[in-house]
Amino acid sequence: MNTLLKLEELGQFLLSIILFSQLEYAWWVFPTCILLPDLSMIGYLATPKTGACLYNFFHHKLVAIAIFILGFWIGSSLITLIGVILFGHSAMDRIFGYGLKFNDNFKNTHLGWIGKK
């Protein structure tokens, strides 16, 4: 099952690349921006709960899809790009086992614990 889920995430990551290719940005913008959502981890400097809330907001695929649709709907390529990057980053993270966070610990995710407990 784990392999099947990773393949699904890989498909979604590839979809984000295809969606990006439909935007009018240079190719280097995608790899340059793909790690930006991880800046949301700064919330962990406050508390684990704040960190989890901020991290989960920027790594939730429904948020990414909503931003993508909003950008497409209002004709904003920048907002559409943000949605694509958030979606692609979330899929990429899940390929590597980084899921949405619980409030108690950064390593406690909806996919299980990261690393050894």
C-alpha atoms as a PDB file:
ATOM      1  CA  MET A   1       0.000   0.000   0.000  1.00  0.00           C
ATOM      2  CA  ASN A   2       2.853   2.388   0.808  1.00  0.00           C
ATOM      3  CA  THR A   3       4.249   2.030  -2.720  1.00  0.00           C
ATOM      4  CA  LEU A   4       0.817   2.588  -4.211  1.00  0.00           C
ATOM      5  CA  LEU A   5       0.375   5.810  -2.227  1.00  0.00           C
ATOM      6  CA  LYS A   6       3.826   7.055  -3.246  1.00  0.00           C
ATOM      7  CA  LEU A   7       3.013   6.356  -6.892  1.00  0.00           C
ATOM      8  CA  GLU A   8      -0.200   8.344  -6.525  1.00  0.00           C
ATOM      9  CA  GLU A   9       1.776  11.261  -5.085  1.00  0.00           C
ATOM     10  CA  LEU A  10       4.316  10.948  -7.890  1.00  0.00           C
ATOM     11  CA  GLY A  11       1.469  11.241 -10.387  1.00  0.00           C
ATOM     12  CA  GLN A  12       0.243  14.380  -8.645  1.00  0.00           C
ATOM     13  CA  PHE A  13       3.752  15.836  -8.643  1.00  0.00           C
ATOM     14  CA  LEU A  14       4.029  15.156 -12.378  1.00  0.00           C
ATOM     15  CA  LEU A  15       0.612  16.799 -12.819  1.00  0.00           C
ATOM     16  CA  SER A  16       1.962  19.921 -11.097  1.00  0.00           C
ATOM     17  CA  ILE A  17       4.831  20.004 -13.607  1.00  0.00           C
ATOM     18  CA  ILE A  18       2.363  19.695 -16.488  1.00  0.00           C
ATOM     19  CA  LEU A  19       0.183  22.467 -15.027  1.00  0.00           C
ATOM     20  CA  PHE A  20       3.258  24.636 -14.547  1.00  0.00           C
ATOM     21  CA  SER A  21       4.264  24.085 -18.171  1.00  0.00           C
ATOM     22  CA  GLN A  22       0.969  25.667 -19.224  1.00  0.00           C
ATOM     23  CA  LEU A  23       1.896  28.909 -17.435  1.00  0.00           C
ATOM     24  CA  GLU A  24       4.068  31.558 -19.028  1.00  0.00           C
ATOM     25  CA  TYR A  25       7.044  31.266 -16.669  1.00  0.00           C
ATOM     26  CA  ALA A  26      10.610  30.260 -17.415  1.00  0.00           C
ATOM     27  CA  TRP A  27      11.411  26.624 -16.595  1.00  0.00           C
ATOM     28  CA  TRP A  28      13.741  27.602 -13.720  1.00  0.00           C
ATOM     29  CA  VAL A  29      10.888  29.184 -11.739  1.00  0.00           C
ATOM     30  CA  PHE A  30       9.466  25.776 -10.787  1.00  0.00           C
ATOM     31  CA  PRO A  31      12.628  24.334  -9.162  1.00  0.00           C
ATOM     32  CA  THR A  32      13.392  27.709  -7.610  1.00  0.00           C
ATOM     33  CA  CYS A  33       9.981  27.956  -5.919  1.00  0.00           C
ATOM     34  CA  ILE A  34       9.230  24.316  -5.125  1.00  0.00           C
ATOM     35  CA  LEU A  35      10.782  24.433  -1.630  1.00  0.00           C
ATOM     36  CA  LEU A  36       9.297  27.794  -0.609  1.00  0.00           C
ATOM     37  CA  PRO A  37       6.298  26.250   1.215  1.00  0.00           C
ATOM     38  CA  ASP A  38       8.768  24.818   3.745  1.00  0.00           C
ATOM     39  CA  LEU A  39       9.284  28.352   5.047  1.00  0.00           C
ATOM     40  CA  SER A  40       6.036  27.680   6.911  1.00  0.00           C
ATOM     41  CA  MET A  41       8.077  25.585   9.359  1.00  0.00           C
ATOM     42  CA  ILE A  42       9.110  28.871  10.946  1.00  0.00           C
ATOM     43  CA  GLY A  43       5.945  28.549  13.032  1.00  0.00           C
ATOM     44  CA  TYR A  44       7.668  25.822  15.035  1.00  0.00           C
ATOM     45  CA  LEU A  45       9.867  28.531  16.554  1.00  0.00           C
ATOM     46  CA  ALA A  46       6.770  29.678  18.457  1.00  0.00           C
ATOM     47  CA  THR A  47       5.105  26.402  19.522  1.00  0.00           C
ATOM     48  CA  PRO A  48       4.492  22.960  18.017  1.00  0.00           C
ATOM     49  CA  LYS A  49       0.794  23.814  17.691  1.00  0.00           C
ATOM     50  CA  THR A  50       1.487  27.067  15.834  1.00  0.00           C
ATOM     51  CA  GLY A  51       4.041  25.308  13.663  1.00  0.00           C
ATOM     52  CA  ALA A  52       1.646  22.481  12.804  1.00  0.00           C
ATOM     53  CA  CYS A  53      -1.179  24.895  11.926  1.00  0.00           C
ATOM     54  CA  LEU A  54       1.023  27.026   9.684  1.00  0.00           C
ATOM     55  CA  TYR A  55       2.739  24.023   8.113  1.00  0.00           C
ATOM     56  CA  ASN A  56      -0.567  22.228   7.467  1.00  0.00           C
ATOM     57  CA  PHE A  57      -2.115  25.304   5.852  1.00  0.00           C
ATOM     58  CA  PHE A  58       0.696  25.576   3.309  1.00  0.00           C
ATOM     59  CA  HIS A  59       0.847  21.805   2.737  1.00  0.00           C
ATOM     60  CA  HIS A  60      -2.865  21.039   2.388  1.00  0.00           C
ATOM     61  CA  LYS A  61      -3.784  20.094  -1.154  1.00  0.00           C
ATOM     62  CA  LEU A  62      -7.298  21.535  -0.955  1.00  0.00           C
ATOM     63  CA  VAL A  63      -5.794  24.948  -0.131  1.00  0.00           C
ATOM     64  CA  ALA A  64      -3.433  24.550  -3.100  1.00  0.00           C
ATOM     65  CA  ILE A  65      -6.280  23.582  -5.436  1.00  0.00           C
ATOM     66  CA  ALA A  66      -8.454  26.467  -4.193  1.00  0.00           C
ATOM     67  CA  ILE A  67      -5.622  28.946  -4.814  1.00  0.00           C
ATOM     68  CA  PHE A  68      -4.998  27.453  -8.259  1.00  0.00           C
ATOM     69  CA  ILE A  69      -8.707  27.738  -9.168  1.00  0.00           C
ATOM     70  CA  LEU A  70      -8.873  31.298  -7.823  1.00  0.00           C
ATOM     71  CA  GLY A  71      -5.864  32.306  -9.912  1.00  0.00           C
ATOM     72  CA  PHE A  72      -7.310  30.664 -13.002  1.00  0.00           C
ATOM     73  CA  TRP A  73     -10.729  32.218 -12.383  1.00  0.00           C
ATOM     74  CA  ILE A  74      -9.468  35.782 -11.932  1.00  0.00           C
ATOM     75  CA  GLY A  75      -6.817  35.432 -14.620  1.00  0.00           C
ATOM     76  CA  SER A  76      -3.821  35.862 -12.323  1.00  0.00           C
ATOM     77  CA  SER A  77      -0.855  33.795 -13.444  1.00  0.00           C
ATOM     78  CA  LEU A  78       0.961  34.567 -10.169  1.00  0.00           C
ATOM     79  CA  ILE A  79      -1.851  33.195  -7.993  1.00  0.00           C
ATOM     80  CA  THR A  80      -2.188  30.210 -10.329  1.00  0.00           C
ATOM     81  CA  LEU A  81       1.558  29.635  -9.991  1.00  0.00           C
ATOM     82  CA  ILE A  82       1.285  29.733  -6.196  1.00  0.00           C
ATOM     83  CA  GLY A  83      -1.427  27.069  -6.323  1.00  0.00           C
ATOM     84  CA  VAL A  84       0.664  24.858  -8.612  1.00  0.00           C
ATOM     85  CA  ILE A  85       3.743  25.215  -6.411  1.00  0.00           C
ATOM     86  CA  LEU A  86       1.796  24.435  -3.217  1.00  0.00           C
ATOM     87  CA  PHE A  87       0.200  21.392  -4.847  1.00  0.00           C
ATOM     88  CA  GLY A  88       3.459  20.110  -6.311  1.00  0.00           C
ATOM     89  CA  HIS A  89       5.365  20.671  -3.086  1.00  0.00           C
ATOM     90  CA  SER A  90       2.744  18.835  -1.025  1.00  0.00           C
ATOM     91  CA  ALA A  91       2.863  15.858  -3.388  1.00  0.00           C
ATOM     92  CA  MET A  92       6.663  15.862  -3.327  1.00  0.00           C
ATOM     93  CA  ASP A  93       6.716  15.943   0.476  1.00  0.00           C
ATOM     94  CA  ARG A  94       4.355  12.992   0.683  1.00  0.00           C
ATOM     95  CA  ILE A  95       6.517  10.971  -1.706  1.00  0.00           C
ATOM     96  CA  PHE A  96       9.271  11.305   0.910  1.00  0.00           C
ATOM     97  CA  GLY A  97       6.954  10.519   3.825  1.00  0.00           C
ATOM     98  CA  TYR A  98       6.353  14.028   5.134  1.00  0.00           C
ATOM     99  CA  GLY A  99       2.675  14.344   5.856  1.00  0.00           C
ATOM    100  CA  LEU A 100       0.438  16.859   7.567  1.00  0.00           C
ATOM    101  CA  LYS A 101       1.519  17.460  11.138  1.00  0.00           C
ATOM    102  CA  PHE A 102      -0.163  16.733  14.432  1.00  0.00           C
ATOM    103  CA  ASN A 103       0.123  19.386  17.150  1.00  0.00           C
ATOM    104  CA  ASP A 104       2.418  17.464  19.484  1.00  0.00           C
ATOM    105  CA  ASN A 105       5.570  16.921  17.426  1.00  0.00           C
ATOM    106  CA  PHE A 106       6.939  17.824  13.994  1.00  0.00           C
ATOM    107  CA  LYS A 107       7.734  14.173  13.342  1.00  0.00           C
ATOM    108  CA  ASN A 108       4.162  13.019  14.075  1.00  0.00           C
ATOM    109  CA  THR A 109       2.340  13.104  10.721  1.00  0.00           C
ATOM    110  CA  HIS A 110      -0.809  11.672   9.202  1.00  0.00           C
ATOM    111  CA  LEU A 111       1.492   9.243   7.369  1.00  0.00           C
ATOM    112  CA  GLY A 112       3.103   8.053  10.615  1.00  0.00           C
ATOM    113  CA  TRP A 113       6.258   9.066  12.440  1.00  0.00           C
ATOM    114  CA  ILE A 114       9.156  10.471  10.449  1.00  0.00           C
ATOM    115  CA  GLY A 115      12.326   8.521  11.215  1.00  0.00           C
ATOM    116  CA  LYS A 116      12.738   6.390  14.327  1.00  0.00           C
ATOM    117  CA  LYS A 117      10.505   7.080  17.298  1.00  0.00           C
END
